[in-house]
Protein backbone atom coordinates (compact mmCIF):
# COMPACT_ATOMS: atom_id res chain seq x y z
CA MET A 1 11.05 -9.37 5.63
CA MET A 2 12.88 -6.21 4.63
CA LEU A 3 10.30 -5.56 1.92
CA ILE A 4 7.38 -6.13 4.28
CA MET A 5 8.45 -3.36 6.67
CA PRO A 6 7.72 -0.53 4.21
CA LEU A 7 4.50 -2.32 3.27
CA LEU A 8 3.43 -2.37 6.93
CA ALA A 9 4.20 1.35 7.11
CA LEU A 10 2.01 1.90 4.05
CA PHE A 11 -0.82 -0.06 5.67
CA LEU A 12 -0.42 2.04 8.82
CA LYS A 13 -0.47 5.25 6.77
CA LEU A 14 -3.68 4.17 5.07
CA LEU A 15 -5.27 2.97 8.30
CA TYR A 16 -4.38 6.12 10.24
CA VAL A 17 -4.99 8.57 7.41
CA ARG A 18 -6.55 11.19 9.68
CA ARG A 19 -3.56 11.25 12.00
CA PRO A 20 -0.90 13.93 11.36
CA TYR A 21 1.90 11.39 10.85
CA TYR A 22 4.15 11.22 7.82
CA TYR A 23 4.90 7.95 6.07
CA VAL A 24 8.45 8.01 7.46
CA GLU A 25 7.08 8.06 11.02
CA HIS A 26 5.02 4.97 10.28
CA LEU A 27 8.13 3.40 8.75
CA ILE A 28 10.14 4.07 11.92
CA PHE A 29 7.31 2.50 13.94
CA SER A 30 7.42 -0.51 11.62
CA PHE A 31 11.20 -0.82 12.13
CA HIS A 32 10.70 -0.64 15.88
CA VAL A 33 8.05 -3.36 15.94
CA HIS A 34 10.07 -5.61 13.64
CA ALA A 35 13.19 -5.14 15.77
CA PHE A 36 11.28 -6.53 18.75
CA LEU A 37 9.88 -9.33 16.59
CA PHE A 38 13.39 -10.26 15.42
CA LEU A 39 14.72 -10.15 18.98
CA VAL A 40 12.04 -12.58 20.19
CA LEU A 41 12.64 -14.87 17.21
CA ILE A 42 16.39 -14.89 17.86
CA VAL A 43 15.86 -15.82 21.50
CA LEU A 44 13.41 -18.57 20.53
CA MET A 45 15.81 -19.98 17.94
CA LEU A 46 18.65 -19.98 20.45
CA LEU A 47 16.45 -21.74 23.00
CA ASP A 48 15.42 -24.25 20.35
CA ASN A 49 19.04 -25.44 20.14
CA TYR A 50 19.27 -26.01 23.89
CA PRO A 51 18.63 -29.74 24.46
CA ALA A 52 17.55 -29.47 28.12
CA ILE A 53 14.29 -27.74 27.23
CA ALA A 54 13.60 -29.47 23.91
CA ASP A 55 10.45 -31.14 25.29
CA ASP A 56 8.80 -27.84 26.26
CA MET A 57 9.87 -25.85 23.24
CA GLU A 58 6.38 -25.63 21.72
CA TRP A 59 5.23 -23.71 24.80
CA PHE A 60 8.10 -21.27 24.39
CA TRP A 61 7.11 -20.71 20.75
CA ILE A 62 3.46 -20.16 21.69
CA GLY A 63 4.52 -17.76 24.45
CA GLY A 64 6.82 -15.94 22.05
CA PHE A 65 4.08 -15.42 19.50
CA VAL A 66 1.67 -14.25 22.18
CA LEU A 67 4.34 -11.85 23.42
CA MET A 68 4.88 -10.47 19.90
CA GLU A 69 1.14 -9.94 19.36
CA LEU A 70 0.73 -8.31 22.76
CA TYR A 71 3.67 -6.00 22.06
CA PHE A 72 2.23 -4.98 18.68
CA TYR A 73 -1.18 -4.24 20.23
CA LYS A 74 0.31 -2.26 23.13
CA SER A 75 2.57 -0.27 20.81
CA LEU A 76 -0.35 0.58 18.50
CA ARG A 77 -2.33 1.72 21.52
CA LYS A 78 0.53 3.79 22.91
CA VAL A 79 1.67 5.46 19.69
CA TYR A 80 -1.68 6.19 18.06
CA GLN A 81 -3.60 6.80 21.32
CA GLN A 82 -7.00 5.47 20.36
CA SER A 83 -9.62 3.60 22.36
CA ARG A 84 -9.20 -0.07 23.17
CA PHE A 85 -12.01 -1.10 20.84
CA THR A 86 -10.68 0.92 17.90
CA THR A 87 -7.16 -0.35 18.50
CA ILE A 88 -8.36 -3.98 18.68
CA VAL A 89 -10.26 -3.61 15.40
CA LYS A 90 -7.30 -1.98 13.66
CA PHE A 91 -4.93 -4.51 15.25
CA GLY A 92 -6.97 -7.38 13.83
CA PHE A 93 -7.15 -5.74 10.42
CA MET A 94 -3.40 -5.07 10.44
CA ASN A 95 -2.66 -8.67 11.43
CA GLY A 96 -4.78 -9.91 8.54
CA LEU A 97 -3.07 -7.60 6.05
CA TYR A 98 0.35 -8.52 7.42
CA LEU A 99 -0.40 -12.24 7.22
CA VAL A 100 -1.56 -11.99 3.61
CA SER A 101 1.43 -9.86 2.59
CA PHE A 102 3.80 -12.24 4.40
CA PHE A 103 2.45 -15.26 2.55
CA VAL A 104 2.53 -13.43 -0.80
CA ALA A 105 6.17 -12.48 -0.14
CA LEU A 106 6.91 -16.07 0.90
CA ILE A 107 5.36 -17.46 -2.27
CA LEU A 108 7.23 -14.95 -4.43
CA THR A 109 10.46 -15.85 -2.68
CA VAL A 110 9.98 -19.57 -3.28
């Protein structure tokens, strides 16, 4: 995951090439988004060990992933200040790139 954060910043730099942001600013944004992602994952893993809600845990995981995606979309919209349509298109493209890079990193790790 630590190697994917600079890669996400590179994708952001390439995707927002006309914006006056430096690579380091995209990297800080990537750190910020991943910090929220890690926080949600930690909460979900802690809840997963709580036996009283073990039956409904799949709904918590689905809600957590929806929350992470919503946060990433809203943060892209807020930071880069583009229209909803443009942000949705770039959000989808970024999710695809991130998913591919995550699975490549996972395969290389294994």
